[in-house]
């Protein structure tokens, strides 16, 4: 039976990983083998933010592009105010969990099931 994780918890982990990647951008995008892939992110909004990071060449450009995203579940101003320096382990966690999701070892709980 797969481990169950709440969508909100998954989203928090992904946003922490993304915040760390933004704090260290563009250097964080250099070693693609260490990075989570787009498919490792389980929420669509996290995938959009990841796309911005991959497709921008400076932190300032990434911030402006994130500000321009039309996100419903992510409070962009709060995301950008966070400091990501303490979230260095989250990109690796997202990468590991992404594999576990693909293998069916983890699944997200529908909020109506809680």
N, C-alpha and C. Protein backbone atom coordinates (compact mmCIF):
# COMPACT_ATOMS: atom_id res chain seq x y z
N UNK A 1 0.84 -1.17 0.00
CA UNK A 1 0.00 0.00 0.00
C UNK A 1 0.89 1.25 0.00
N UNK A 2 0.61 2.19 -0.89
CA UNK A 2 1.47 3.38 -0.97
C UNK A 2 1.31 4.30 0.23
N UNK A 3 2.39 5.00 0.53
CA UNK A 3 2.36 6.04 1.56
C UNK A 3 1.47 7.17 1.04
N UNK A 4 0.68 7.75 1.91
CA UNK A 4 -0.22 8.84 1.53
C UNK A 4 0.36 10.15 2.04
N UNK A 5 0.30 11.17 1.20
CA UNK A 5 0.77 12.49 1.59
C UNK A 5 -0.29 13.51 1.18
N UNK A 6 -0.52 14.46 2.05
CA UNK A 6 -1.49 15.51 1.75
C UNK A 6 -0.94 16.42 0.66
N UNK A 7 -1.82 16.89 -0.21
CA UNK A 7 -1.41 17.78 -1.29
C UNK A 7 -0.73 19.02 -0.74
N UNK A 8 -1.26 19.58 0.34
CA UNK A 8 -0.69 20.79 0.93
C UNK A 8 0.74 20.54 1.40
N UNK A 9 1.01 19.38 1.99
CA UNK A 9 2.36 19.05 2.44
C UNK A 9 3.30 18.90 1.25
N UNK A 10 2.83 18.25 0.20
CA UNK A 10 3.65 18.10 -1.00
C UNK A 10 3.96 19.46 -1.61
N UNK A 11 2.96 20.29 -1.68
CA UNK A 11 3.14 21.63 -2.23
C UNK A 11 4.17 22.42 -1.41
N UNK A 12 4.10 22.33 -0.10
CA UNK A 12 5.07 23.03 0.76
C UNK A 12 6.49 22.56 0.49
N UNK A 13 6.68 21.24 0.39
CA UNK A 13 8.01 20.71 0.12
C UNK A 13 8.53 21.20 -1.23
N UNK A 14 7.66 21.17 -2.22
CA UNK A 14 8.07 21.62 -3.55
C UNK A 14 8.42 23.10 -3.56
N UNK A 15 7.63 23.91 -2.88
CA UNK A 15 7.90 25.35 -2.86
C UNK A 15 9.19 25.66 -2.11
N UNK A 16 9.50 24.91 -1.08
CA UNK A 16 10.77 25.10 -0.38
C UNK A 16 11.94 24.75 -1.30
N UNK A 17 11.80 23.67 -2.04
CA UNK A 17 12.84 23.30 -2.99
C UNK A 17 13.02 24.39 -4.04
N UNK A 18 11.91 24.89 -4.56
CA UNK A 18 11.97 25.93 -5.58
C UNK A 18 12.55 27.23 -5.02
N UNK A 19 12.23 27.51 -3.76
CA UNK A 19 12.75 28.74 -3.15
C UNK A 19 14.25 28.65 -2.99
N UNK A 20 14.75 27.47 -2.63
CA UNK A 20 16.20 27.29 -2.55
C UNK A 20 16.83 27.46 -3.93
N UNK A 21 16.23 26.84 -4.93
CA UNK A 21 16.77 26.95 -6.29
C UNK A 21 16.76 28.39 -6.77
N UNK A 22 15.73 29.16 -6.41
CA UNK A 22 15.68 30.57 -6.78
C UNK A 22 16.76 31.36 -6.05
N UNK A 23 16.95 31.09 -4.76
CA UNK A 23 17.98 31.81 -3.98
C UNK A 23 19.37 31.60 -4.55
N UNK A 24 19.61 30.46 -5.14
CA UNK A 24 20.94 30.15 -5.66
C UNK A 24 20.99 30.20 -7.18
N UNK A 25 19.96 30.75 -7.78
CA UNK A 25 19.85 30.88 -9.24
C UNK A 25 20.83 31.93 -9.73
N UNK A 26 21.50 31.77 -10.83
CA UNK A 26 21.38 30.71 -11.82
C UNK A 26 22.30 29.51 -11.57
N UNK A 27 23.15 29.60 -10.55
CA UNK A 27 24.06 28.49 -10.27
C UNK A 27 23.36 27.18 -10.00
N UNK A 28 22.18 27.26 -9.39
CA UNK A 28 21.44 26.05 -9.05
C UNK A 28 20.99 25.27 -10.28
N UNK A 29 20.97 25.92 -11.41
CA UNK A 29 20.51 25.27 -12.65
C UNK A 29 21.64 24.62 -13.43
N UNK A 30 22.86 24.77 -12.96
CA UNK A 30 24.02 24.30 -13.71
C UNK A 30 24.16 22.78 -13.75
N UNK A 31 24.03 22.12 -12.61
CA UNK A 31 24.24 20.68 -12.56
C UNK A 31 22.89 19.97 -12.67
N UNK A 32 22.46 19.72 -13.88
CA UNK A 32 21.13 19.14 -14.11
C UNK A 32 20.99 17.73 -13.54
N UNK A 33 22.10 17.02 -13.35
CA UNK A 33 22.01 15.68 -12.76
C UNK A 33 21.58 15.72 -11.30
N UNK A 34 21.91 16.80 -10.61
CA UNK A 34 21.56 16.95 -9.20
C UNK A 34 20.16 17.52 -9.01
N UNK A 35 19.67 18.20 -10.02
CA UNK A 35 18.36 18.86 -9.93
C UNK A 35 17.20 17.88 -10.02
N UNK A 36 16.10 18.21 -9.35
CA UNK A 36 14.88 17.46 -9.65
C UNK A 36 14.49 17.78 -11.10
N UNK A 37 13.77 16.89 -11.71
CA UNK A 37 13.24 17.17 -13.05
C UNK A 37 11.86 17.78 -12.93
N UNK A 38 11.36 18.29 -14.01
CA UNK A 38 10.01 18.86 -14.02
C UNK A 38 8.99 17.83 -13.54
N UNK A 39 9.17 16.58 -13.95
CA UNK A 39 8.25 15.50 -13.60
C UNK A 39 8.31 15.12 -12.13
N UNK A 40 9.38 15.53 -11.43
CA UNK A 40 9.48 15.25 -10.01
C UNK A 40 8.51 16.11 -9.19
N UNK A 41 8.12 17.25 -9.75
CA UNK A 41 7.17 18.13 -9.09
C UNK A 41 5.76 17.65 -9.39
N UNK A 42 4.98 17.44 -8.35
CA UNK A 42 3.65 16.85 -8.50
C UNK A 42 2.55 17.89 -8.70
N UNK A 43 2.82 19.15 -8.38
CA UNK A 43 1.80 20.18 -8.56
C UNK A 43 2.10 21.01 -9.80
N UNK A 44 1.05 21.36 -10.50
CA UNK A 44 1.20 22.11 -11.75
C UNK A 44 1.87 23.46 -11.53
N UNK A 45 1.55 24.12 -10.44
CA UNK A 45 2.14 25.43 -10.19
C UNK A 45 3.63 25.32 -9.90
N UNK A 46 4.04 24.28 -9.20
CA UNK A 46 5.47 24.06 -8.97
C UNK A 46 6.18 23.79 -10.29
N UNK A 47 5.54 23.06 -11.17
CA UNK A 47 6.13 22.82 -12.49
C UNK A 47 6.31 24.13 -13.26
N UNK A 48 5.33 25.04 -13.16
CA UNK A 48 5.45 26.34 -13.83
C UNK A 48 6.62 27.14 -13.28
N UNK A 49 6.76 27.16 -11.96
CA UNK A 49 7.87 27.89 -11.36
C UNK A 49 9.20 27.24 -11.76
N UNK A 50 9.25 25.93 -11.77
CA UNK A 50 10.47 25.24 -12.20
C UNK A 50 10.81 25.61 -13.65
N UNK A 51 9.80 25.66 -14.51
CA UNK A 51 10.01 26.06 -15.91
C UNK A 51 10.65 27.44 -15.99
N UNK A 52 10.18 28.36 -15.15
CA UNK A 52 10.77 29.70 -15.12
C UNK A 52 12.24 29.63 -14.76
N UNK A 53 12.56 28.87 -13.74
CA UNK A 53 13.96 28.76 -13.31
C UNK A 53 14.85 28.18 -14.40
N UNK A 54 14.34 27.19 -15.07
CA UNK A 54 15.12 26.55 -16.13
C UNK A 54 15.32 27.48 -17.32
N UNK A 55 14.34 28.32 -17.58
CA UNK A 55 14.35 29.15 -18.79
C UNK A 55 14.82 30.58 -18.59
N UNK A 56 15.31 30.93 -17.40
CA UNK A 56 15.85 32.26 -17.18
C UNK A 56 17.32 32.16 -16.85
N UNK A 57 18.03 33.25 -17.12
CA UNK A 57 19.48 33.22 -16.93
C UNK A 57 19.96 34.05 -15.74
N UNK A 58 19.03 34.74 -15.08
CA UNK A 58 19.42 35.50 -13.90
C UNK A 58 18.33 35.39 -12.84
N UNK A 59 18.71 35.64 -11.61
CA UNK A 59 17.74 35.61 -10.52
C UNK A 59 16.69 36.70 -10.71
N UNK A 60 17.11 37.89 -11.12
CA UNK A 60 16.16 38.99 -11.33
C UNK A 60 15.14 38.64 -12.40
N UNK A 61 15.59 38.04 -13.50
CA UNK A 61 14.65 37.63 -14.57
C UNK A 61 13.69 36.56 -14.05
N UNK A 62 14.21 35.64 -13.25
CA UNK A 62 13.36 34.59 -12.70
C UNK A 62 12.30 35.19 -11.77
N UNK A 63 12.69 36.12 -10.92
CA UNK A 63 11.73 36.76 -10.02
C UNK A 63 10.64 37.48 -10.80
N UNK A 64 11.03 38.22 -11.81
CA UNK A 64 10.02 38.94 -12.62
C UNK A 64 9.09 37.97 -13.33
N UNK A 65 9.63 36.90 -13.85
CA UNK A 65 8.78 35.91 -14.54
C UNK A 65 7.84 35.21 -13.56
N UNK A 66 8.31 34.93 -12.35
CA UNK A 66 7.44 34.30 -11.35
C UNK A 66 6.33 35.27 -10.94
N UNK A 67 6.68 36.53 -10.79
CA UNK A 67 5.67 37.54 -10.46
C UNK A 67 4.57 37.62 -11.52
N UNK A 68 4.92 37.33 -12.75
CA UNK A 68 3.96 37.40 -13.86
C UNK A 68 3.10 36.14 -14.02
N UNK A 69 3.44 35.08 -13.28
CA UNK A 69 2.65 33.85 -13.39
C UNK A 69 1.27 34.06 -12.77
N UNK A 70 0.28 33.44 -13.37
CA UNK A 70 -1.09 33.49 -12.86
C UNK A 70 -1.33 32.22 -12.05
N UNK A 71 -0.98 32.27 -10.76
CA UNK A 71 -1.08 31.11 -9.90
C UNK A 71 -2.28 31.25 -8.96
N UNK A 72 -3.00 30.17 -8.76
CA UNK A 72 -4.17 30.20 -7.89
C UNK A 72 -3.89 29.66 -6.50
N UNK A 73 -3.04 28.66 -6.38
CA UNK A 73 -2.80 28.01 -5.09
C UNK A 73 -1.55 28.51 -4.38
N UNK A 74 -0.72 29.24 -5.08
CA UNK A 74 0.54 29.71 -4.50
C UNK A 74 0.50 31.21 -4.36
N UNK A 75 0.75 31.68 -3.16
CA UNK A 75 0.83 33.12 -2.89
C UNK A 75 2.23 33.57 -3.30
N UNK A 76 2.33 34.18 -4.48
CA UNK A 76 3.62 34.52 -5.06
C UNK A 76 4.41 35.49 -4.18
N UNK A 77 3.75 36.52 -3.65
CA UNK A 77 4.48 37.48 -2.80
C UNK A 77 5.10 36.79 -1.59
N UNK A 78 4.36 35.90 -0.96
CA UNK A 78 4.90 35.16 0.19
C UNK A 78 6.06 34.26 -0.23
N UNK A 79 5.89 33.59 -1.36
CA UNK A 79 6.95 32.73 -1.88
C UNK A 79 8.23 33.53 -2.10
N UNK A 80 8.10 34.70 -2.70
CA UNK A 80 9.28 35.51 -3.01
C UNK A 80 9.90 36.15 -1.76
N UNK A 81 9.10 36.35 -0.72
CA UNK A 81 9.63 36.92 0.53
C UNK A 81 10.42 35.90 1.35
N UNK A 82 10.12 34.64 1.17
CA UNK A 82 10.84 33.60 1.91
C UNK A 82 12.32 33.62 1.56
N UNK A 83 13.13 33.28 2.51
CA UNK A 83 14.53 33.04 2.22
C UNK A 83 14.72 31.55 2.02
N UNK A 84 15.47 31.16 1.05
CA UNK A 84 15.62 29.74 0.75
C UNK A 84 16.90 29.10 1.24
N UNK A 85 17.74 29.86 1.93
CA UNK A 85 19.06 29.35 2.29
C UNK A 85 19.03 28.11 3.17
N UNK A 86 17.95 27.92 3.94
CA UNK A 86 17.88 26.76 4.83
C UNK A 86 17.20 25.56 4.18
N UNK A 87 16.80 25.68 2.95
CA UNK A 87 16.05 24.63 2.27
C UNK A 87 16.92 23.80 1.33
N UNK A 88 18.20 23.75 1.57
CA UNK A 88 19.13 23.08 0.66
C UNK A 88 18.84 21.61 0.45
N UNK A 89 18.18 20.95 1.40
CA UNK A 89 17.91 19.51 1.24
C UNK A 89 16.62 19.23 0.46
N UNK A 90 15.79 20.24 0.25
CA UNK A 90 14.50 20.00 -0.38
C UNK A 90 14.58 19.63 -1.87
N UNK A 91 15.47 20.21 -2.67
CA UNK A 91 15.53 19.74 -4.06
C UNK A 91 15.79 18.24 -4.17
N UNK A 92 16.68 17.73 -3.33
CA UNK A 92 16.97 16.29 -3.35
C UNK A 92 15.75 15.49 -2.90
N UNK A 93 15.03 16.00 -1.89
CA UNK A 93 13.83 15.32 -1.42
C UNK A 93 12.77 15.26 -2.53
N UNK A 94 12.59 16.36 -3.25
CA UNK A 94 11.61 16.37 -4.34
C UNK A 94 12.01 15.37 -5.41
N UNK A 95 13.30 15.30 -5.69
CA UNK A 95 13.79 14.34 -6.69
C UNK A 95 13.51 12.91 -6.25
N UNK A 96 13.82 12.60 -5.00
CA UNK A 96 13.58 11.23 -4.48
C UNK A 96 12.09 10.90 -4.46
N UNK A 97 11.30 11.85 -3.99
CA UNK A 97 9.85 11.61 -3.93
C UNK A 97 9.25 11.49 -5.32
N UNK A 98 9.77 12.24 -6.27
CA UNK A 98 9.27 12.14 -7.64
C UNK A 98 9.39 10.72 -8.15
N UNK A 99 10.53 10.09 -7.87
CA UNK A 99 10.71 8.70 -8.27
C UNK A 99 9.72 7.80 -7.53
N UNK A 100 9.53 8.05 -6.25
CA UNK A 100 8.59 7.24 -5.46
C UNK A 100 7.16 7.41 -5.97
N UNK A 101 6.78 8.61 -6.40
CA UNK A 101 5.45 8.82 -6.98
C UNK A 101 5.31 8.01 -8.27
N UNK A 102 6.35 8.05 -9.11
CA UNK A 102 6.29 7.31 -10.38
C UNK A 102 6.22 5.80 -10.15
N UNK A 103 6.83 5.33 -9.07
CA UNK A 103 6.81 3.89 -8.76
C UNK A 103 5.56 3.48 -7.99
N UNK A 104 4.70 4.43 -7.68
CA UNK A 104 3.47 4.13 -6.95
C UNK A 104 3.66 3.91 -5.47
N UNK A 105 4.81 4.33 -4.93
CA UNK A 105 5.08 4.15 -3.51
C UNK A 105 4.47 5.27 -2.66
N UNK A 106 4.19 6.40 -3.28
CA UNK A 106 3.57 7.54 -2.61
C UNK A 106 2.42 8.02 -3.49
N UNK A 107 1.38 8.45 -2.86
CA UNK A 107 0.30 9.11 -3.62
C UNK A 107 -0.25 10.25 -2.80
N UNK A 108 -0.79 11.22 -3.50
CA UNK A 108 -1.35 12.39 -2.84
C UNK A 108 -2.79 12.09 -2.46
N UNK A 109 -3.13 12.45 -1.23
CA UNK A 109 -4.49 12.28 -0.72
C UNK A 109 -5.36 13.40 -1.28
N UNK A 110 -6.48 13.05 -1.81
CA UNK A 110 -7.46 14.03 -2.23
C UNK A 110 -7.99 14.73 -0.97
N UNK A 111 -8.04 16.07 -0.97
CA UNK A 111 -8.50 16.78 0.24
C UNK A 111 -9.89 16.31 0.72
N UNK A 112 -10.71 15.82 -0.15
CA UNK A 112 -12.03 15.34 0.25
C UNK A 112 -11.95 14.03 1.04
N UNK A 113 -10.80 13.33 0.96
CA UNK A 113 -10.62 12.07 1.67
C UNK A 113 -10.11 12.26 3.09
N UNK A 114 -9.69 13.47 3.42
CA UNK A 114 -9.11 13.71 4.75
C UNK A 114 -10.15 13.78 5.81
